[in-house]
Amino acid sequence: MKFRDYVGHVRSWDGQTLEMTRDAAANGSRPEQRVSIPADTIVTVKPVPERSMTRPRP
């Protein structure tokens, strides 16, 4: 059995297919990609909110 992880931004979800933009690899080995992932192949999802644009005061 082989598992893959995808880090990126959700474009759409219709309950059947997750459409997302996969982030480019940090080392430059893979460009940004558009991917479609069938719902029945998803094992788990870990949502991560966007970073806050405000900086905390020192």
N, C-alpha and C. Protein backbone atom coordinates (compact mmCIF):
# COMPACT_ATOMS: atom_id res chain seq x y z
N MET A 1 0.84 -1.17 0.00
CA MET A 1 0.00 0.00 0.00
C MET A 1 0.89 1.24 0.00
N LYS A 2 0.51 2.22 -0.78
CA LYS A 2 1.32 3.44 -0.89
C LYS A 2 0.45 4.64 -0.57
N PHE A 3 0.98 5.53 0.27
CA PHE A 3 0.28 6.75 0.63
C PHE A 3 1.04 7.95 0.08
N ARG A 4 0.31 8.98 -0.31
CA ARG A 4 0.92 10.23 -0.77
C ARG A 4 0.29 11.37 0.01
N ASP A 5 1.06 12.41 0.20
CA ASP A 5 0.48 13.58 0.84
C ASP A 5 0.52 14.74 -0.15
N TYR A 6 -0.45 15.60 -0.01
CA TYR A 6 -0.57 16.76 -0.87
C TYR A 6 -0.72 17.98 0.02
N VAL A 7 0.08 18.99 -0.24
CA VAL A 7 -0.02 20.26 0.48
C VAL A 7 -0.38 21.30 -0.55
N GLY A 8 -1.46 22.02 -0.29
CA GLY A 8 -1.88 23.03 -1.27
C GLY A 8 -3.14 23.72 -0.84
N HIS A 9 -3.86 24.25 -1.82
CA HIS A 9 -5.05 25.05 -1.58
C HIS A 9 -6.24 24.43 -2.31
N VAL A 10 -7.34 24.26 -1.59
CA VAL A 10 -8.55 23.68 -2.17
C VAL A 10 -9.16 24.66 -3.15
N ARG A 11 -9.47 24.17 -4.34
CA ARG A 11 -10.17 24.96 -5.36
C ARG A 11 -11.65 24.65 -5.33
N SER A 12 -11.98 23.35 -5.15
CA SER A 12 -13.39 22.98 -5.06
C SER A 12 -13.53 21.59 -4.46
N TRP A 13 -14.74 21.32 -3.96
CA TRP A 13 -15.08 20.03 -3.36
C TRP A 13 -16.56 19.80 -3.60
N ASP A 14 -16.89 18.73 -4.31
CA ASP A 14 -18.30 18.45 -4.61
C ASP A 14 -18.80 17.20 -3.89
N GLY A 15 -18.03 16.72 -2.92
CA GLY A 15 -18.41 15.51 -2.19
C GLY A 15 -17.91 14.24 -2.86
N GLN A 16 -17.48 14.36 -4.10
CA GLN A 16 -16.98 13.21 -4.87
C GLN A 16 -15.49 13.36 -5.19
N THR A 17 -15.09 14.60 -5.50
CA THR A 17 -13.72 14.87 -5.93
C THR A 17 -13.22 16.16 -5.27
N LEU A 18 -12.00 16.08 -4.75
CA LEU A 18 -11.33 17.26 -4.19
C LEU A 18 -10.42 17.81 -5.27
N GLU A 19 -10.66 19.06 -5.66
CA GLU A 19 -9.82 19.74 -6.64
C GLU A 19 -8.93 20.70 -5.87
N MET A 20 -7.62 20.60 -6.07
CA MET A 20 -6.73 21.50 -5.34
C MET A 20 -5.53 21.89 -6.18
N THR A 21 -4.90 22.96 -5.75
CA THR A 21 -3.64 23.40 -6.34
C THR A 21 -2.56 22.96 -5.37
N ARG A 22 -1.74 22.03 -5.82
CA ARG A 22 -0.66 21.50 -4.99
C ARG A 22 0.51 22.46 -5.03
N ASP A 23 1.03 22.80 -3.85
CA ASP A 23 2.15 23.73 -3.77
C ASP A 23 3.40 23.15 -4.44
N ALA A 24 4.23 24.02 -4.97
CA ALA A 24 5.51 23.60 -5.55
C ALA A 24 6.41 23.06 -4.43
N ALA A 25 7.29 22.14 -4.77
CA ALA A 25 8.24 21.61 -3.79
C ALA A 25 9.20 22.72 -3.35
N ALA A 26 9.51 22.73 -2.07
CA ALA A 26 10.40 23.76 -1.51
C ALA A 26 11.78 23.73 -2.16
N ASN A 27 12.23 22.55 -2.58
CA ASN A 27 13.57 22.45 -3.18
C ASN A 27 13.56 22.66 -4.69
N GLY A 28 12.39 22.99 -5.24
CA GLY A 28 12.31 23.27 -6.67
C GLY A 28 12.19 22.05 -7.55
N SER A 29 12.04 20.87 -6.96
CA SER A 29 11.99 19.64 -7.76
C SER A 29 10.64 19.41 -8.43
N ARG A 30 9.58 20.12 -8.00
CA ARG A 30 8.27 19.94 -8.59
C ARG A 30 7.57 21.29 -8.65
N PRO A 31 7.03 21.65 -9.81
CA PRO A 31 6.30 22.92 -9.90
C PRO A 31 4.91 22.79 -9.28
N GLU A 32 4.24 23.91 -9.12
CA GLU A 32 2.86 23.91 -8.66
C GLU A 32 2.03 23.06 -9.62
N GLN A 33 1.06 22.29 -9.09
CA GLN A 33 0.24 21.41 -9.93
C GLN A 33 -1.23 21.54 -9.56
N ARG A 34 -2.09 21.33 -10.53
CA ARG A 34 -3.53 21.20 -10.26
C ARG A 34 -3.81 19.71 -10.19
N VAL A 35 -4.44 19.26 -9.10
CA VAL A 35 -4.72 17.84 -8.92
C VAL A 35 -6.19 17.61 -8.59
N SER A 36 -6.69 16.45 -8.98
CA SER A 36 -8.04 15.99 -8.66
C SER A 36 -7.88 14.70 -7.88
N ILE A 37 -8.50 14.64 -6.70
CA ILE A 37 -8.36 13.47 -5.84
C ILE A 37 -9.76 12.91 -5.57
N PRO A 38 -10.02 11.67 -6.01
CA PRO A 38 -11.32 11.05 -5.75
C PRO A 38 -11.54 10.87 -4.24
N ALA A 39 -12.75 11.15 -3.77
CA ALA A 39 -13.07 11.08 -2.34
C ALA A 39 -12.77 9.72 -1.74
N ASP A 40 -13.00 8.65 -2.48
CA ASP A 40 -12.81 7.30 -1.92
C ASP A 40 -11.34 6.92 -1.76
N THR A 41 -10.43 7.78 -2.20
CA THR A 41 -9.00 7.51 -2.01
C THR A 41 -8.39 8.35 -0.89
N ILE A 42 -9.19 9.25 -0.32
CA ILE A 42 -8.69 10.13 0.75
C ILE A 42 -8.75 9.40 2.08
N VAL A 43 -7.62 9.33 2.78
CA VAL A 43 -7.55 8.65 4.08
C VAL A 43 -7.83 9.64 5.20
N THR A 44 -7.19 10.81 5.16
CA THR A 44 -7.41 11.83 6.17
C THR A 44 -7.12 13.20 5.57
N VAL A 45 -7.69 14.22 6.20
CA VAL A 45 -7.48 15.60 5.77
C VAL A 45 -7.07 16.40 6.99
N LYS A 46 -6.06 17.22 6.84
CA LYS A 46 -5.61 18.08 7.93
C LYS A 46 -5.66 19.52 7.44
N PRO A 47 -6.74 20.22 7.74
CA PRO A 47 -6.82 21.62 7.31
C PRO A 47 -5.86 22.49 8.12
N VAL A 48 -5.20 23.37 7.42
CA VAL A 48 -4.28 24.32 8.07
C VAL A 48 -4.69 25.71 7.62
N PRO A 49 -5.07 26.58 8.57
CA PRO A 49 -5.50 27.93 8.18
C PRO A 49 -4.34 28.75 7.63
N GLU A 50 -4.68 29.73 6.82
CA GLU A 50 -3.68 30.63 6.29
C GLU A 50 -2.98 31.35 7.43
N ARG A 51 -1.74 31.76 7.22
CA ARG A 51 -1.01 32.54 8.21
C ARG A 51 -1.67 33.90 8.38
N SER A 52 -1.63 34.38 9.59
CA SER A 52 -2.16 35.70 9.87
C SER A 52 -1.26 36.75 9.22
N MET A 53 -1.87 37.77 8.67
CA MET A 53 -1.10 38.83 8.01
C MET A 53 -0.65 39.89 9.02
N THR A 54 -1.18 39.84 10.24
CA THR A 54 -0.75 40.80 11.26
C THR A 54 0.38 40.21 12.07
N ARG A 55 1.31 41.04 12.45
CA ARG A 55 2.44 40.57 13.25
C ARG A 55 2.16 40.84 14.72
N PRO A 56 2.50 39.88 15.58
CA PRO A 56 2.30 40.12 17.01
C PRO A 56 3.25 41.21 17.51
N ARG A 57 2.81 41.95 18.50
CA ARG A 57 3.66 43.00 19.08
C ARG A 57 4.71 42.38 19.97
N PRO A 58 5.95 42.93 19.92
CA PRO A 58 7.02 42.35 20.76
C PRO A 58 6.84 42.65 22.24
